[in-house]
Amino acid sequence: MDKIILYREIIQKLLTTRAESRSPQDPVTSQTVFDLQNDHYQMVNLGWKNGSTRIYGCAIHVDIIDGRIWVQQDGTEDAIADQLVANGVPKQDIVLAYQAPHVRQYTEFSIG
């Protein structure tokens, strides 16, 4: 299987599983947003806290750029990069894009 096709499947599976894992009683829901033509993948949280505070934001944003997975945003406790590695993606194919470029060299992941 082509590496990019595999990465697409892994990303979609991970984000869908996370979005579906919220309790039905939770007033905040998660939705996946997949742009399959341009390889942009997001999980967005939305709802109401205590009935009066609006919750809306992109929890995870991942792109596939030049054969690598770029983690643009990860506002979750369980890092998506670690889950990608657990699903067989090599660390050299993952860029922590939310890290400043000069800091990426100190991570175990690709610098871009």
N, C-alpha and C. Protein backbone atom coordinates (compact mmCIF):
# COMPACT_ATOMS: atom_id res chain seq x y z
N MET A 1 0.85 -1.19 0.00
CA MET A 1 0.00 0.00 0.00
C MET A 1 0.89 1.24 0.00
N ASP A 2 0.48 2.22 -0.76
CA ASP A 2 1.20 3.50 -0.83
C ASP A 2 1.23 4.16 0.54
N LYS A 3 2.37 4.72 0.89
CA LYS A 3 2.56 5.35 2.20
C LYS A 3 1.53 6.45 2.46
N ILE A 4 1.26 7.29 1.49
CA ILE A 4 0.32 8.41 1.69
C ILE A 4 -1.09 7.88 1.93
N ILE A 5 -1.49 6.86 1.20
CA ILE A 5 -2.81 6.27 1.40
C ILE A 5 -2.91 5.70 2.81
N LEU A 6 -1.85 5.03 3.25
CA LEU A 6 -1.82 4.48 4.61
C LEU A 6 -1.92 5.60 5.65
N TYR A 7 -1.16 6.68 5.47
CA TYR A 7 -1.21 7.80 6.41
C TYR A 7 -2.61 8.41 6.48
N ARG A 8 -3.25 8.55 5.33
CA ARG A 8 -4.62 9.08 5.31
C ARG A 8 -5.55 8.20 6.14
N GLU A 9 -5.44 6.91 5.95
CA GLU A 9 -6.31 5.98 6.68
C GLU A 9 -6.05 6.04 8.18
N ILE A 10 -4.79 6.08 8.56
CA ILE A 10 -4.45 6.14 9.99
C ILE A 10 -4.97 7.42 10.62
N ILE A 11 -4.74 8.56 9.97
CA ILE A 11 -5.19 9.84 10.52
C ILE A 11 -6.71 9.86 10.66
N GLN A 12 -7.42 9.44 9.63
CA GLN A 12 -8.88 9.45 9.69
C GLN A 12 -9.40 8.52 10.78
N LYS A 13 -8.78 7.36 10.93
CA LYS A 13 -9.18 6.41 11.97
C LYS A 13 -8.96 7.01 13.36
N LEU A 14 -7.78 7.59 13.59
CA LEU A 14 -7.47 8.16 14.91
C LEU A 14 -8.40 9.31 15.26
N LEU A 15 -8.63 10.22 14.32
CA LEU A 15 -9.50 11.37 14.62
C LEU A 15 -10.95 10.94 14.80
N THR A 16 -11.41 10.01 13.99
CA THR A 16 -12.79 9.53 14.12
C THR A 16 -12.99 8.83 15.46
N THR A 17 -12.04 8.00 15.85
CA THR A 17 -12.13 7.30 17.14
C THR A 17 -12.18 8.30 18.28
N ARG A 18 -11.34 9.32 18.23
CA ARG A 18 -11.35 10.35 19.29
C ARG A 18 -12.68 11.09 19.33
N ALA A 19 -13.17 11.48 18.16
CA ALA A 19 -14.43 12.24 18.11
C ALA A 19 -15.59 11.43 18.64
N GLU A 20 -15.58 10.14 18.38
CA GLU A 20 -16.68 9.29 18.81
C GLU A 20 -16.56 8.84 20.26
N SER A 21 -15.44 9.13 20.90
CA SER A 21 -15.21 8.62 22.26
C SER A 21 -15.84 9.48 23.35
N ARG A 22 -16.40 10.62 23.00
CA ARG A 22 -17.03 11.48 24.01
C ARG A 22 -18.30 10.82 24.54
N SER A 23 -18.56 11.04 25.80
CA SER A 23 -19.76 10.52 26.43
C SER A 23 -20.99 11.21 25.84
N PRO A 24 -22.08 10.47 25.63
CA PRO A 24 -23.31 11.10 25.12
C PRO A 24 -23.87 12.18 26.05
N GLN A 25 -23.50 12.12 27.33
CA GLN A 25 -23.97 13.12 28.29
C GLN A 25 -23.11 14.39 28.27
N ASP A 26 -21.99 14.35 27.60
CA ASP A 26 -21.09 15.51 27.53
C ASP A 26 -21.75 16.59 26.66
N PRO A 27 -21.87 17.81 27.17
CA PRO A 27 -22.50 18.88 26.38
C PRO A 27 -21.62 19.37 25.23
N VAL A 28 -20.36 18.94 25.21
CA VAL A 28 -19.45 19.29 24.13
C VAL A 28 -19.29 18.07 23.23
N THR A 29 -19.43 18.26 21.93
CA THR A 29 -19.24 17.18 20.98
C THR A 29 -17.99 17.45 20.15
N SER A 30 -17.54 16.43 19.48
CA SER A 30 -16.39 16.56 18.58
C SER A 30 -16.81 16.14 17.18
N GLN A 31 -16.36 16.90 16.20
CA GLN A 31 -16.64 16.60 14.80
C GLN A 31 -15.33 16.49 14.05
N THR A 32 -15.30 15.61 13.07
CA THR A 32 -14.13 15.53 12.20
C THR A 32 -14.40 16.32 10.93
N VAL A 33 -13.35 16.93 10.43
CA VAL A 33 -13.42 17.69 9.18
C VAL A 33 -12.26 17.19 8.32
N PHE A 34 -12.57 16.50 7.23
CA PHE A 34 -11.55 15.93 6.37
C PHE A 34 -11.62 16.56 4.98
N ASP A 35 -10.55 17.19 4.55
CA ASP A 35 -10.40 17.69 3.19
C ASP A 35 -9.49 16.70 2.47
N LEU A 36 -10.09 15.72 1.83
CA LEU A 36 -9.35 14.61 1.24
C LEU A 36 -8.55 15.02 0.00
N GLN A 37 -8.99 16.03 -0.69
CA GLN A 37 -8.26 16.48 -1.89
C GLN A 37 -6.95 17.17 -1.54
N ASN A 38 -6.96 17.91 -0.43
CA ASN A 38 -5.78 18.70 -0.05
C ASN A 38 -5.06 18.15 1.18
N ASP A 39 -5.51 17.01 1.69
CA ASP A 39 -4.89 16.35 2.84
C ASP A 39 -4.83 17.22 4.09
N HIS A 40 -5.99 17.79 4.45
CA HIS A 40 -6.14 18.53 5.70
C HIS A 40 -7.15 17.76 6.56
N TYR A 41 -6.82 17.54 7.82
CA TYR A 41 -7.65 16.74 8.71
C TYR A 41 -7.76 17.45 10.05
N GLN A 42 -9.00 17.61 10.54
CA GLN A 42 -9.20 18.30 11.81
C GLN A 42 -10.23 17.59 12.67
N MET A 43 -10.10 17.81 13.97
CA MET A 43 -11.15 17.46 14.91
C MET A 43 -11.50 18.74 15.66
N VAL A 44 -12.76 19.10 15.61
CA VAL A 44 -13.24 20.34 16.20
C VAL A 44 -14.18 20.01 17.35
N ASN A 45 -14.02 20.72 18.46
CA ASN A 45 -14.92 20.58 19.61
C ASN A 45 -15.93 21.72 19.59
N LEU A 46 -17.20 21.39 19.87
CA LEU A 46 -18.21 22.43 19.92
C LEU A 46 -19.33 22.04 20.87
N GLY A 47 -19.94 23.05 21.45
CA GLY A 47 -21.05 22.83 22.37
C GLY A 47 -21.15 23.96 23.36
N TRP A 48 -21.75 23.66 24.50
CA TRP A 48 -21.98 24.67 25.54
C TRP A 48 -21.54 24.13 26.88
N LYS A 49 -20.82 24.93 27.64
CA LYS A 49 -20.42 24.58 29.00
C LYS A 49 -21.34 25.32 29.96
N ASN A 50 -21.95 24.59 30.86
CA ASN A 50 -22.88 25.15 31.84
C ASN A 50 -24.03 25.90 31.17
N GLY A 51 -24.33 25.57 29.95
CA GLY A 51 -25.47 26.15 29.26
C GLY A 51 -25.30 27.59 28.79
N SER A 52 -24.17 28.23 29.12
CA SER A 52 -24.05 29.64 28.74
C SER A 52 -22.69 30.02 28.14
N THR A 53 -21.71 29.15 28.23
CA THR A 53 -20.39 29.45 27.67
C THR A 53 -20.17 28.61 26.42
N ARG A 54 -20.03 29.27 25.30
CA ARG A 54 -19.84 28.58 24.02
C ARG A 54 -18.45 27.96 23.95
N ILE A 55 -18.40 26.71 23.56
CA ILE A 55 -17.15 25.99 23.34
C ILE A 55 -17.04 25.75 21.84
N TYR A 56 -15.97 26.23 21.25
CA TYR A 56 -15.70 25.96 19.84
C TYR A 56 -14.21 26.11 19.60
N GLY A 57 -13.62 25.12 19.01
CA GLY A 57 -12.21 25.24 18.68
C GLY A 57 -11.65 23.99 18.04
N CYS A 58 -10.60 24.19 17.31
CA CYS A 58 -9.91 23.09 16.65
C CYS A 58 -8.99 22.43 17.67
N ALA A 59 -9.29 21.19 18.04
CA ALA A 59 -8.48 20.46 19.00
C ALA A 59 -7.26 19.84 18.32
N ILE A 60 -7.45 19.30 17.11
CA ILE A 60 -6.36 18.67 16.37
C ILE A 60 -6.46 19.08 14.91
N HIS A 61 -5.32 19.45 14.34
CA HIS A 61 -5.22 19.77 12.91
C HIS A 61 -3.95 19.11 12.38
N VAL A 62 -4.13 18.24 11.40
CA VAL A 62 -3.02 17.49 10.82
C VAL A 62 -3.09 17.64 9.30
N ASP A 63 -1.95 17.88 8.67
CA ASP A 63 -1.85 17.94 7.21
C ASP A 63 -0.84 16.90 6.75
N ILE A 64 -1.00 16.45 5.52
CA ILE A 64 0.05 15.67 4.88
C ILE A 64 0.68 16.57 3.82
N ILE A 65 1.97 16.84 4.00
CA ILE A 65 2.70 17.74 3.10
C ILE A 65 3.99 17.04 2.68
N ASP A 66 4.19 16.90 1.39
CA ASP A 66 5.42 16.30 0.86
C ASP A 66 5.77 14.97 1.53
N GLY A 67 4.77 14.12 1.73
CA GLY A 67 5.00 12.79 2.26
C GLY A 67 5.18 12.70 3.75
N ARG A 68 5.03 13.81 4.45
CA ARG A 68 5.15 13.81 5.91
C ARG A 68 3.84 14.29 6.54
N ILE A 69 3.63 13.86 7.76
CA ILE A 69 2.45 14.29 8.53
C ILE A 69 2.87 15.49 9.37
N TRP A 70 2.23 16.62 9.13
CA TRP A 70 2.50 17.86 9.87
C TRP A 70 1.40 18.05 10.90
N VAL A 71 1.75 17.97 12.17
CA VAL A 71 0.80 18.21 13.25
C VAL A 71 0.78 19.72 13.50
N GLN A 72 -0.24 20.38 12.96
CA GLN A 72 -0.35 21.84 13.05
C GLN A 72 -0.85 22.30 14.42
N GLN A 73 -1.74 21.47 15.01
CA GLN A 73 -2.35 21.82 16.30
C GLN A 73 -2.66 20.52 17.02
N ASP A 74 -2.34 20.47 18.29
CA ASP A 74 -2.75 19.34 19.12
C ASP A 74 -3.02 19.86 20.52
N GLY A 75 -4.28 20.11 20.80
CA GLY A 75 -4.70 20.62 22.09
C GLY A 75 -5.30 19.53 22.95
N THR A 76 -4.78 18.32 22.84
CA THR A 76 -5.32 17.20 23.59
C THR A 76 -4.29 16.66 24.58
N GLU A 77 -4.75 15.86 25.51
CA GLU A 77 -3.84 15.29 26.51
C GLU A 77 -3.02 14.14 25.94
N ASP A 78 -3.61 13.36 25.07
CA ASP A 78 -2.92 12.22 24.44
C ASP A 78 -2.42 12.66 23.08
N ALA A 79 -1.14 12.90 22.98
CA ALA A 79 -0.55 13.47 21.76
C ALA A 79 -0.84 12.61 20.54
N ILE A 80 -1.35 13.26 19.50
CA ILE A 80 -1.64 12.56 18.25
C ILE A 80 -0.36 12.01 17.63
N ALA A 81 0.77 12.71 17.81
CA ALA A 81 2.04 12.22 17.25
C ALA A 81 2.40 10.86 17.84
N ASP A 82 2.20 10.69 19.14
CA ASP A 82 2.50 9.41 19.77
C ASP A 82 1.57 8.31 19.25
N GLN A 83 0.33 8.66 19.00
CA GLN A 83 -0.62 7.67 18.46
C GLN A 83 -0.27 7.31 17.02
N LEU A 84 0.22 8.29 16.27
CA LEU A 84 0.66 7.99 14.90
C LEU A 84 1.82 7.00 14.92
N VAL A 85 2.78 7.22 15.81
CA VAL A 85 3.92 6.31 15.95
C VAL A 85 3.44 4.92 16.34
N ALA A 86 2.50 4.86 17.29
CA ALA A 86 1.97 3.57 17.74
C ALA A 86 1.26 2.83 16.61
N ASN A 87 0.83 3.57 15.59
CA ASN A 87 0.16 2.97 14.45
C ASN A 87 1.10 2.76 13.26
N GLY A 88 2.39 2.86 13.51
CA GLY A 88 3.36 2.50 12.49
C GLY A 88 3.97 3.62 11.68
N VAL A 89 3.66 4.87 12.00
CA VAL A 89 4.25 5.99 11.27
C VAL A 89 5.63 6.28 11.87
N PRO A 90 6.68 6.27 11.05
CA PRO A 90 8.02 6.57 11.59
C PRO A 90 8.11 8.02 12.06
N LYS A 91 8.86 8.24 13.13
CA LYS A 91 9.01 9.59 13.69
C LYS A 91 9.59 10.56 12.66
N GLN A 92 10.43 10.07 11.74
CA GLN A 92 11.01 10.96 10.74
C GLN A 92 9.98 11.43 9.71
N ASP A 93 8.77 10.85 9.75
CA ASP A 93 7.70 11.30 8.86
C ASP A 93 6.66 12.14 9.59
N ILE A 94 6.96 12.57 10.80
CA ILE A 94 6.05 13.41 11.58
C ILE A 94 6.75 14.71 11.94
N VAL A 95 6.12 15.84 11.63
CA VAL A 95 6.65 17.16 11.97
C VAL A 95 5.71 17.79 13.00
N LEU A 96 6.27 18.21 14.11
CA LEU A 96 5.48 18.93 15.11
C LEU A 96 5.47 20.40 14.72
N ALA A 97 4.59 20.74 13.79
CA ALA A 97 4.57 22.08 13.21
C ALA A 97 4.18 23.15 14.21
N TYR A 98 3.55 22.78 15.32
CA TYR A 98 3.21 23.77 16.35
C TYR A 98 4.44 24.18 17.16
N GLN A 99 5.53 23.48 16.98
CA GLN A 99 6.80 23.85 17.60
C GLN A 99 7.54 24.82 16.67
N ALA A 100 8.20 25.80 17.22
CA ALA A 100 9.00 26.72 16.40
C ALA A 100 10.06 25.92 15.63
N PRO A 101 10.34 26.32 14.38
CA PRO A 101 11.31 25.56 13.59
C PRO A 101 12.66 25.36 14.27
N HIS A 102 13.14 26.34 15.01
CA HIS A 102 14.45 26.18 15.65
C HIS A 102 14.41 25.23 16.86
N VAL A 103 13.22 24.90 17.34
CA VAL A 103 13.08 24.00 18.49
C VAL A 103 12.91 22.54 18.04
N ARG A 104 12.42 22.34 16.83
CA ARG A 104 12.12 20.98 16.35
C ARG A 104 13.33 20.06 16.39
N GLN A 105 14.52 20.61 16.26
CA GLN A 105 15.72 19.77 16.26
C GLN A 105 15.92 19.05 17.59
N TYR A 106 15.29 19.52 18.64
CA TYR A 106 15.44 18.92 19.96
C TYR A 106 14.37 17.88 20.26
N THR A 107 13.47 17.64 19.30
CA THR A 107 12.45 16.61 19.47
C THR A 107 12.93 15.33 18.79
N GLU A 108 12.20 14.27 18.99
CA GLU A 108 12.51 13.00 18.34
C GLU A 108 11.92 12.92 16.94
N PHE A 109 11.22 13.97 16.53
CA PHE A 109 10.50 13.96 15.26
C PHE A 109 11.25 14.76 14.19
N SER A 110 10.70 14.75 12.98
CA SER A 110 11.32 15.45 11.85
C SER A 110 11.32 16.96 12.08
N ILE A 111 12.30 17.63 11.52
CA ILE A 111 12.33 19.09 11.63
C ILE A 111 11.57 19.75 10.49
N GLY A 112 11.17 18.96 9.50
CA GLY A 112 10.38 19.50 8.39
C GLY A 112 11.07 19.38 7.15
